[in-house]
Protein backbone atom coordinates (compact mmCIF):
# COMPACT_ATOMS: atom_id res chain seq x y z
CA MET A 1 28.74 -8.22 7.29
CA SER A 2 25.31 -9.75 7.70
CA ASP A 3 22.96 -10.74 4.88
CA GLN A 4 23.02 -7.83 2.45
CA ASN A 5 25.66 -8.17 -0.25
CA SER A 6 26.58 -11.10 -2.43
CA SER A 7 29.73 -9.86 -4.09
CA GLY A 8 32.30 -7.07 -3.87
CA GLN A 9 31.42 -3.47 -2.96
CA SER A 10 33.44 -0.36 -3.63
CA ALA A 11 34.40 2.10 -0.90
CA SER A 12 35.16 5.62 -2.09
CA GLY A 13 35.54 4.32 -5.65
CA GLN A 14 37.78 1.34 -4.86
CA SER A 15 36.59 -2.23 -5.35
CA GLN A 16 36.46 -4.27 -2.14
CA GLY A 17 35.69 -7.85 -1.22
CA GLY A 18 32.04 -8.64 -0.65
CA THR A 19 30.41 -9.32 2.69
CA GLY A 20 27.29 -11.41 3.08
CA ALA A 21 24.49 -11.67 0.50
CA GLN A 22 22.99 -8.40 -0.75
CA ASN A 23 23.71 -7.32 -4.29
CA GLY A 24 26.29 -7.68 -7.03
CA GLY A 25 29.00 -5.49 -8.54
CA GLY A 26 29.15 -4.32 -12.14
CA GLY A 27 27.68 -1.28 -13.89
CA GLN A 28 27.31 1.60 -11.48
CA SER A 29 24.31 3.77 -10.79
CA GLN A 30 24.07 6.79 -8.54
CA THR A 31 21.44 9.18 -7.32
CA GLY A 32 21.03 12.19 -5.08
CA GLY A 33 23.07 14.16 -2.59
CA LYS A 34 26.29 16.15 -2.60
CA ALA A 35 29.42 14.06 -2.22
CA PRO A 36 32.27 14.80 0.21
CA SER A 37 35.65 15.63 -1.24
CA GLY A 38 36.94 12.86 -3.49
CA GLN A 39 33.60 11.12 -3.96
CA ASN A 40 31.30 11.06 -6.95
CA SER A 41 27.62 11.46 -6.15
CA THR A 42 25.89 12.60 -9.27
CA GLY A 43 24.06 10.55 -11.81
CA SER A 44 20.92 8.55 -12.01
CA SER A 45 20.02 4.95 -12.03
CA GLY A 46 17.20 2.99 -13.51
CA SER A 47 14.86 0.99 -11.40
CA SER A 48 14.24 -2.65 -12.08
CA GLY A 49 10.69 -2.48 -10.73
CA GLY A 50 8.34 -5.32 -11.47
CA GLN A 51 5.65 -4.79 -14.09
CA THR A 52 2.20 -6.13 -14.18
CA GLY A 53 -0.18 -6.52 -17.10
CA SER A 54 -3.51 -7.96 -18.02
CA GLN A 55 -4.27 -10.73 -20.48
CA ASN A 56 -7.43 -11.55 -22.31
CA SER A 57 -8.35 -15.20 -22.58
CA GLY A 58 -9.96 -16.14 -25.86
CA GLY A 59 -12.25 -18.92 -26.89
CA SER A 60 -14.74 -18.51 -24.07
CA THR A 61 -18.12 -20.13 -24.44
CA GLY A 62 -21.45 -19.46 -22.87
CA GLN A 63 -23.08 -16.17 -22.00
CA SER A 64 -21.86 -13.44 -19.71
CA THR A 65 -24.15 -12.00 -17.11
CA GLY A 66 -24.09 -8.96 -14.89
CA SER A 67 -22.50 -5.60 -15.58
CA GLY A 68 -19.53 -7.03 -17.49
CA GLN A 69 -17.05 -5.41 -15.10
CA GLY A 70 -14.59 -7.82 -13.52
CA THR A 71 -12.65 -7.37 -10.30
CA GLN A 72 -9.41 -5.55 -11.08
CA GLU A 73 -6.37 -6.97 -9.35
CA ALA A 74 -4.29 -4.46 -7.38
CA THR A 75 -1.24 -3.30 -9.33
CA GLU A 76 0.46 -1.46 -6.45
CA ILE A 77 1.67 -2.40 -3.00
CA SER A 78 2.69 -0.23 -0.06
CA CYS A 79 5.87 -0.92 1.92
CA THR A 80 7.69 0.93 4.69
CA ILE A 81 11.41 1.69 4.60
CA SER A 82 13.91 3.26 6.98
CA ILE A 83 17.69 3.81 6.70
CA ARG A 84 19.93 3.95 9.78
CA CYS A 85 23.59 4.09 10.77
CA ASP A 86 23.40 3.68 14.56
CA SER A 87 26.55 1.55 14.72
CA ILE A 88 28.81 4.36 13.48
CA SER A 89 26.99 7.44 14.76
CA GLY A 90 28.90 9.68 17.17
CA ASN A 91 31.47 7.12 18.28
CA GLY A 92 34.49 8.13 16.17
CA ILE A 93 34.73 4.83 14.30
CA LEU A 94 34.96 6.55 10.92
CA THR A 95 37.75 8.83 12.18
CA ALA A 96 39.59 5.86 13.67
CA ASN A 97 39.51 4.22 10.24
CA GLY A 98 40.86 7.26 8.43
CA HIS A 99 37.61 8.97 7.38
CA PRO A 100 37.05 11.96 9.70
CA GLU A 101 35.43 13.88 6.83
CA LEU A 102 32.51 11.43 6.93
CA GLU A 103 31.57 11.92 10.58
CA SER A 104 29.02 14.60 9.65
CA TYR A 105 27.17 12.12 7.43
CA ALA A 106 26.82 9.73 10.36
CA ALA A 107 26.06 12.38 12.99
CA ASN A 108 22.35 11.54 12.88
CA PRO A 109 21.77 7.79 13.20
CA VAL A 110 18.48 8.14 11.31
CA ILE A 111 19.22 8.84 7.65
CA LEU A 112 15.61 8.19 6.65
CA GLY A 113 12.84 7.71 9.17
CA SER A 114 10.06 5.20 8.62
CA THR A 115 8.57 6.13 5.24
CA ALA A 116 5.71 4.56 3.31
CA VAL A 117 6.47 3.92 -0.37
CA LYS A 118 4.07 2.74 -3.04
CA VAL A 119 5.55 0.56 -5.78
CA LYS A 120 4.33 -1.76 -8.49
CA LYS A 121 3.34 -5.25 -7.49
CA GLY A 122 6.38 -7.49 -7.91
CA ALA A 123 8.82 -4.75 -6.90
CA SER A 124 12.00 -5.55 -4.98
CA VAL A 125 13.76 -4.22 -1.89
CA TYR A 126 16.11 -2.33 -4.21
CA ASP A 127 13.19 -0.71 -6.07
CA VAL A 128 11.82 0.66 -2.80
CA LEU A 129 15.27 1.89 -1.70
CA LEU A 130 15.87 3.62 -5.03
CA GLN A 131 12.49 5.33 -5.01
CA ALA A 132 12.82 6.42 -1.37
CA CYS A 133 16.32 7.86 -1.88
CA ARG A 134 15.28 9.73 -5.01
CA SER A 135 12.24 11.22 -3.27
CA ALA A 136 14.24 12.30 -0.21
CA GLY A 137 17.34 13.45 -2.13
CA ILE A 138 19.58 10.92 -0.39
CA HIS A 139 22.80 9.84 -2.11
CA LEU A 140 22.73 6.23 -3.29
CA GLU A 141 25.37 4.37 -5.27
CA SER A 142 24.97 0.83 -6.51
CA SER A 143 26.28 -1.53 -9.16
CA TYR A 144 24.77 -4.44 -11.05
CA THR A 145 26.19 -7.92 -11.56
CA PRO A 146 24.49 -10.03 -14.22
CA ALA A 147 25.87 -13.22 -12.66
CA TYR A 148 23.83 -12.57 -9.52
CA GLY A 149 20.98 -10.77 -11.25
CA SER A 150 20.98 -8.14 -8.53
CA TYR A 151 22.11 -4.65 -7.62
CA TYR A 152 24.77 -4.24 -4.93
CA VAL A 153 24.37 -1.21 -2.69
CA GLN A 154 27.81 0.32 -2.33
CA GLY A 155 26.99 3.53 -0.51
CA ILE A 156 24.08 5.43 1.04
CA ASN A 157 24.41 9.02 2.27
CA HIS A 158 28.12 8.92 1.26
CA LEU A 159 28.80 6.07 3.68
CA TYR A 160 30.46 3.13 1.92
CA GLU A 161 31.53 -0.41 2.76
CA TRP A 162 34.86 -0.76 4.60
CA GLN A 163 34.94 2.89 5.69
CA ALA A 164 34.29 1.81 9.28
CA GLY A 165 36.75 -1.07 9.05
CA PRO A 166 36.77 -4.58 7.56
CA GLY A 167 33.34 -6.15 7.33
CA SER A 168 31.48 -2.85 7.51
CA GLY A 169 28.78 -1.90 5.05
CA TRP A 170 25.07 -1.89 4.29
CA THR A 171 22.65 -4.67 5.13
CA TYR A 172 18.87 -4.95 5.06
CA THR A 173 16.09 -6.83 6.80
CA VAL A 174 12.49 -7.45 5.78
CA ASN A 175 9.98 -7.67 8.62
CA GLY A 176 12.88 -7.99 11.06
CA ARG A 177 14.55 -10.90 9.29
CA SER A 178 17.80 -11.02 7.35
CA VAL A 179 17.49 -12.11 3.74
CA SER A 180 20.12 -14.18 1.94
CA VAL A 181 19.51 -12.82 -1.57
CA GLY A 182 20.42 -9.58 -3.29
CA ALA A 183 18.25 -6.53 -2.74
CA SER A 184 16.85 -6.54 -6.27
CA ALA A 185 16.17 -10.28 -6.09
CA CYS A 186 14.07 -9.99 -2.93
CA LYS A 187 10.47 -9.42 -4.02
CA LEU A 188 8.05 -7.71 -1.65
CA SER A 189 4.48 -8.11 -0.49
CA ASP A 190 2.04 -5.44 0.58
CA GLY A 191 2.80 -4.19 4.10
CA ASP A 192 6.42 -5.36 4.24
CA VAL A 193 8.76 -3.36 6.48
CA ILE A 194 12.33 -2.82 5.21
CA VAL A 195 15.22 -1.56 7.32
CA TRP A 196 18.61 -0.70 5.82
CA GLU A 197 21.40 -0.41 8.37
CA TYR A 198 25.11 0.30 8.22
CA VAL A 199 26.94 -2.30 10.29
CA HIS A 200 30.55 -2.93 11.30
CA ARG A 201 32.40 -5.72 13.06
């Protein structure tokens, strides 16, 4: 799979070999949505959003002039995210790989249309994904690997890695470019456009 995961993912609860560079495995977190038979979809996960603060510098000399109000640095940024599964929508690939019960989850190639999300400055791709899925009630399952310092996205909308065959799973781009680090290690700037897509080989 292209640049999205950096270690193993689990499909339907089973640990699989990783594909590409996206996230890491470890402690699991889940949010949103009703799972198909045999899948777990309840739970909540914490966000690793960046935090910003202000510091006062002491020991200043001289006199201050003006109103005494400084320019406040922006503490939020706005990004756009969409989630798609075009590569497995309506073509029977899931059925061919033994998962006919999942075809309904891939019937619409657009899981989440282009959506603006406001997050704290310093937030990551994973932070935006987590917030967007929570707001829209979309199932999301991920796990964290301390060795990589990143979350690994195992499943979105009940669609998991390997369910469409070897090498299939979730990948993301930022401003149309693949990124070679985990989703929670990729920090964002104001105006960035994120696309998550399920791919298969």
